[in-house]
Amino acid sequence: MQSENPLIADFVKMVNSAAGTFAGATREARDSARERFRETFGGLDFVSREEFDAVKAMAAKAREEAEDMKIRLSALEAKIGQ
């Protein structure tokens, strides 16, 4: 049921306009914050997940090789010490 009172109709128009303005301001603030975040952190050198996993695998292999070398060195030292 629509009201034919011009005062109420004008109030409803004003509220609708304010809601639209608020939604636009919210979008603008979100976009501005996103752009500022990109400017701030865009220059940093972050690594991708694939690069991180590759380096992690290389480090694990290096640790295993170091442990093997320790065992071999201990065996050689024991052999020389006899």
N, C-alpha and C. Protein backbone atom coordinates (compact mmCIF):
# COMPACT_ATOMS: atom_id res chain seq x y z
N MET A 1 0.85 -1.17 0.00
CA MET A 1 0.00 0.00 0.00
C MET A 1 0.89 1.23 0.00
N GLN A 2 0.79 2.05 -0.99
CA GLN A 2 1.61 3.25 -1.09
C GLN A 2 0.90 4.42 -0.44
N SER A 3 1.73 5.24 0.16
CA SER A 3 1.19 6.43 0.79
C SER A 3 1.16 7.56 -0.23
N GLU A 4 0.15 8.37 -0.14
CA GLU A 4 0.07 9.50 -1.06
C GLU A 4 0.54 10.78 -0.39
N ASN A 5 1.08 10.64 0.80
CA ASN A 5 1.58 11.79 1.52
C ASN A 5 2.94 12.18 0.92
N PRO A 6 3.07 13.38 0.38
CA PRO A 6 4.34 13.78 -0.25
C PRO A 6 5.50 13.85 0.74
N LEU A 7 5.20 14.14 1.99
CA LEU A 7 6.26 14.21 3.00
C LEU A 7 6.88 12.83 3.19
N ILE A 8 6.06 11.79 3.27
CA ILE A 8 6.56 10.42 3.44
C ILE A 8 7.28 9.97 2.17
N ALA A 9 6.74 10.29 1.01
CA ALA A 9 7.38 9.92 -0.25
C ALA A 9 8.75 10.57 -0.37
N ASP A 10 8.88 11.84 0.02
CA ASP A 10 10.17 12.52 -0.02
C ASP A 10 11.15 11.90 0.98
N PHE A 11 10.65 11.53 2.15
CA PHE A 11 11.50 10.90 3.16
C PHE A 11 12.03 9.56 2.64
N VAL A 12 11.17 8.77 2.01
CA VAL A 12 11.57 7.48 1.47
C VAL A 12 12.63 7.68 0.38
N LYS A 13 12.43 8.65 -0.48
CA LYS A 13 13.42 8.94 -1.53
C LYS A 13 14.77 9.33 -0.92
N MET A 14 14.71 10.14 0.13
CA MET A 14 15.93 10.58 0.79
C MET A 14 16.67 9.39 1.42
N VAL A 15 15.93 8.51 2.07
CA VAL A 15 16.54 7.33 2.70
C VAL A 15 17.14 6.43 1.63
N ASN A 16 16.45 6.23 0.52
CA ASN A 16 16.99 5.41 -0.57
C ASN A 16 18.26 6.03 -1.14
N SER A 17 18.26 7.33 -1.31
CA SER A 17 19.46 8.00 -1.82
C SER A 17 20.62 7.87 -0.84
N ALA A 18 20.33 8.02 0.44
CA ALA A 18 21.38 7.89 1.45
C ALA A 18 21.94 6.47 1.45
N ALA A 19 21.09 5.47 1.30
CA ALA A 19 21.55 4.08 1.27
C ALA A 19 22.44 3.85 0.05
N GLY A 20 22.06 4.39 -1.08
CA GLY A 20 22.88 4.27 -2.28
C GLY A 20 24.22 4.96 -2.14
N THR A 21 24.21 6.14 -1.54
CA THR A 21 25.44 6.88 -1.30
C THR A 21 26.35 6.11 -0.35
N PHE A 22 25.77 5.55 0.70
CA PHE A 22 26.55 4.78 1.67
C PHE A 22 27.16 3.55 1.01
N ALA A 23 26.39 2.85 0.18
CA ALA A 23 26.91 1.67 -0.52
C ALA A 23 28.05 2.07 -1.45
N GLY A 24 27.91 3.18 -2.15
CA GLY A 24 28.98 3.65 -3.03
C GLY A 24 30.22 4.03 -2.26
N ALA A 25 30.04 4.68 -1.12
CA ALA A 25 31.19 5.06 -0.28
C ALA A 25 31.89 3.82 0.26
N THR A 26 31.11 2.81 0.60
CA THR A 26 31.70 1.56 1.09
C THR A 26 32.54 0.90 0.01
N ARG A 27 32.01 0.84 -1.21
CA ARG A 27 32.78 0.26 -2.32
C ARG A 27 34.06 1.05 -2.57
N GLU A 28 33.93 2.35 -2.54
CA GLU A 28 35.09 3.22 -2.78
C GLU A 28 36.15 3.01 -1.70
N ALA A 29 35.74 2.92 -0.44
CA ALA A 29 36.69 2.70 0.66
C ALA A 29 37.37 1.34 0.52
N ARG A 30 36.60 0.31 0.16
CA ARG A 30 37.16 -1.04 -0.01
C ARG A 30 38.18 -1.05 -1.14
N ASP A 31 37.84 -0.44 -2.26
CA ASP A 31 38.76 -0.40 -3.40
C ASP A 31 40.02 0.39 -3.08
N SER A 32 39.84 1.49 -2.35
CA SER A 32 40.99 2.31 -1.96
C SER A 32 41.92 1.53 -1.01
N ALA A 33 41.33 0.83 -0.05
CA ALA A 33 42.14 0.03 0.88
C ALA A 33 42.87 -1.09 0.15
N ARG A 34 42.19 -1.72 -0.79
CA ARG A 34 42.81 -2.80 -1.56
C ARG A 34 43.99 -2.25 -2.37
N GLU A 35 43.81 -1.10 -2.99
CA GLU A 35 44.89 -0.50 -3.78
C GLU A 35 46.06 -0.09 -2.89
N ARG A 36 45.77 0.47 -1.73
CA ARG A 36 46.83 0.85 -0.80
C ARG A 36 47.60 -0.37 -0.32
N PHE A 37 46.89 -1.47 -0.08
CA PHE A 37 47.54 -2.72 0.33
C PHE A 37 48.48 -3.21 -0.78
N ARG A 38 48.01 -3.16 -2.02
CA ARG A 38 48.86 -3.60 -3.15
C ARG A 38 50.10 -2.72 -3.27
N GLU A 39 49.94 -1.41 -3.08
CA GLU A 39 51.09 -0.51 -3.16
C GLU A 39 52.09 -0.80 -2.05
N THR A 40 51.57 -1.07 -0.86
CA THR A 40 52.45 -1.28 0.29
C THR A 40 53.19 -2.61 0.19
N PHE A 41 52.47 -3.68 -0.13
CA PHE A 41 53.07 -5.00 -0.10
C PHE A 41 53.45 -5.53 -1.48
N GLY A 42 53.13 -4.79 -2.52
CA GLY A 42 53.43 -5.26 -3.87
C GLY A 42 54.91 -5.31 -4.17
N GLY A 43 55.70 -4.45 -3.55
CA GLY A 43 57.13 -4.41 -3.81
C GLY A 43 57.92 -5.44 -3.04
N LEU A 44 57.30 -6.09 -2.09
CA LEU A 44 58.01 -7.09 -1.30
C LEU A 44 58.17 -8.37 -2.11
N ASP A 45 59.24 -9.07 -1.85
CA ASP A 45 59.53 -10.30 -2.58
C ASP A 45 58.99 -11.50 -1.82
N PHE A 46 57.75 -11.82 -2.04
CA PHE A 46 57.17 -13.02 -1.46
C PHE A 46 57.43 -14.19 -2.41
N VAL A 47 57.61 -15.37 -1.85
CA VAL A 47 57.82 -16.54 -2.69
C VAL A 47 56.50 -17.27 -2.87
N SER A 48 56.41 -17.97 -3.98
CA SER A 48 55.20 -18.76 -4.22
C SER A 48 55.26 -20.04 -3.40
N ARG A 49 54.17 -20.70 -3.29
CA ARG A 49 54.09 -21.96 -2.54
C ARG A 49 54.98 -23.01 -3.19
N GLU A 50 55.01 -23.03 -4.53
CA GLU A 50 55.83 -24.01 -5.24
C GLU A 50 57.31 -23.79 -4.96
N GLU A 51 57.75 -22.52 -4.96
CA GLU A 51 59.15 -22.22 -4.66
C GLU A 51 59.50 -22.61 -3.23
N PHE A 52 58.59 -22.32 -2.30
CA PHE A 52 58.83 -22.67 -0.91
C PHE A 52 58.96 -24.18 -0.74
N ASP A 53 58.05 -24.93 -1.36
CA ASP A 53 58.09 -26.39 -1.25
C ASP A 53 59.36 -26.95 -1.87
N ALA A 54 59.83 -26.37 -2.98
CA ALA A 54 61.06 -26.84 -3.63
C ALA A 54 62.26 -26.62 -2.72
N VAL A 55 62.35 -25.45 -2.11
CA VAL A 55 63.47 -25.17 -1.21
C VAL A 55 63.39 -26.04 0.04
N LYS A 56 62.19 -26.27 0.52
CA LYS A 56 62.01 -27.13 1.69
C LYS A 56 62.49 -28.55 1.39
N ALA A 57 62.17 -29.06 0.20
CA ALA A 57 62.62 -30.39 -0.20
C ALA A 57 64.15 -30.43 -0.33
N MET A 58 64.73 -29.38 -0.88
CA MET A 58 66.19 -29.33 -1.01
C MET A 58 66.85 -29.32 0.37
N ALA A 59 66.29 -28.59 1.32
CA ALA A 59 66.85 -28.54 2.67
C ALA A 59 66.74 -29.90 3.35
N ALA A 60 65.62 -30.59 3.15
CA ALA A 60 65.45 -31.92 3.75
C ALA A 60 66.49 -32.88 3.17
N LYS A 61 66.71 -32.81 1.87
CA LYS A 61 67.71 -33.69 1.23
C LYS A 61 69.10 -33.37 1.75
N ALA A 62 69.41 -32.09 1.91
CA ALA A 62 70.72 -31.69 2.43
C ALA A 62 70.92 -32.19 3.86
N ARG A 63 69.86 -32.15 4.68
CA ARG A 63 69.96 -32.67 6.04
C ARG A 63 70.23 -34.17 6.03
N GLU A 64 69.53 -34.90 5.16
CA GLU A 64 69.75 -36.34 5.06
C GLU A 64 71.17 -36.65 4.63
N GLU A 65 71.68 -35.92 3.65
CA GLU A 65 73.05 -36.13 3.19
C GLU A 65 74.05 -35.81 4.29
N ALA A 66 73.79 -34.77 5.06
CA ALA A 66 74.68 -34.42 6.17
C ALA A 66 74.69 -35.53 7.23
N GLU A 67 73.53 -36.09 7.52
CA GLU A 67 73.46 -37.20 8.48
C GLU A 67 74.23 -38.41 7.95
N ASP A 68 74.09 -38.71 6.65
CA ASP A 68 74.84 -39.82 6.05
C ASP A 68 76.34 -39.58 6.15
N MET A 69 76.74 -38.35 5.89
CA MET A 69 78.16 -38.01 5.97
C MET A 69 78.69 -38.16 7.40
N LYS A 70 77.89 -37.78 8.38
CA LYS A 70 78.30 -37.94 9.78
C LYS A 70 78.53 -39.41 10.10
N ILE A 71 77.63 -40.26 9.61
CA ILE A 71 77.76 -41.70 9.87
C ILE A 71 79.02 -42.24 9.20
N ARG A 72 79.24 -41.84 7.95
CA ARG A 72 80.43 -42.30 7.22
C ARG A 72 81.70 -41.80 7.89
N LEU A 73 81.70 -40.54 8.34
CA LEU A 73 82.87 -39.98 9.00
C LEU A 73 83.15 -40.71 10.30
N SER A 74 82.11 -40.99 11.06
CA SER A 74 82.30 -41.74 12.31
C SER A 74 82.87 -43.12 12.04
N ALA A 75 82.39 -43.76 10.98
CA ALA A 75 82.90 -45.09 10.63
C ALA A 75 84.38 -45.00 10.22
N LEU A 76 84.73 -43.99 9.44
CA LEU A 76 86.13 -43.84 9.02
C LEU A 76 87.03 -43.52 10.22
N GLU A 77 86.56 -42.66 11.11
CA GLU A 77 87.35 -42.32 12.31
C GLU A 77 87.55 -43.56 13.18
N ALA A 78 86.48 -44.38 13.28
CA ALA A 78 86.62 -45.60 14.08
C ALA A 78 87.61 -46.56 13.43
N LYS A 79 87.58 -46.64 12.11
CA LYS A 79 88.47 -47.54 11.38
C LYS A 79 89.94 -47.08 11.53
N ILE A 80 90.17 -45.77 11.46
CA ILE A 80 91.51 -45.23 11.58
C ILE A 80 92.01 -45.38 13.02
N GLY A 81 91.13 -45.23 13.96
CA GLY A 81 91.49 -45.30 15.37
C GLY A 81 91.87 -46.71 15.82
N GLN A 82 91.54 -47.73 15.07
CA GLN A 82 91.85 -49.12 15.48
C GLN A 82 93.27 -49.43 15.34
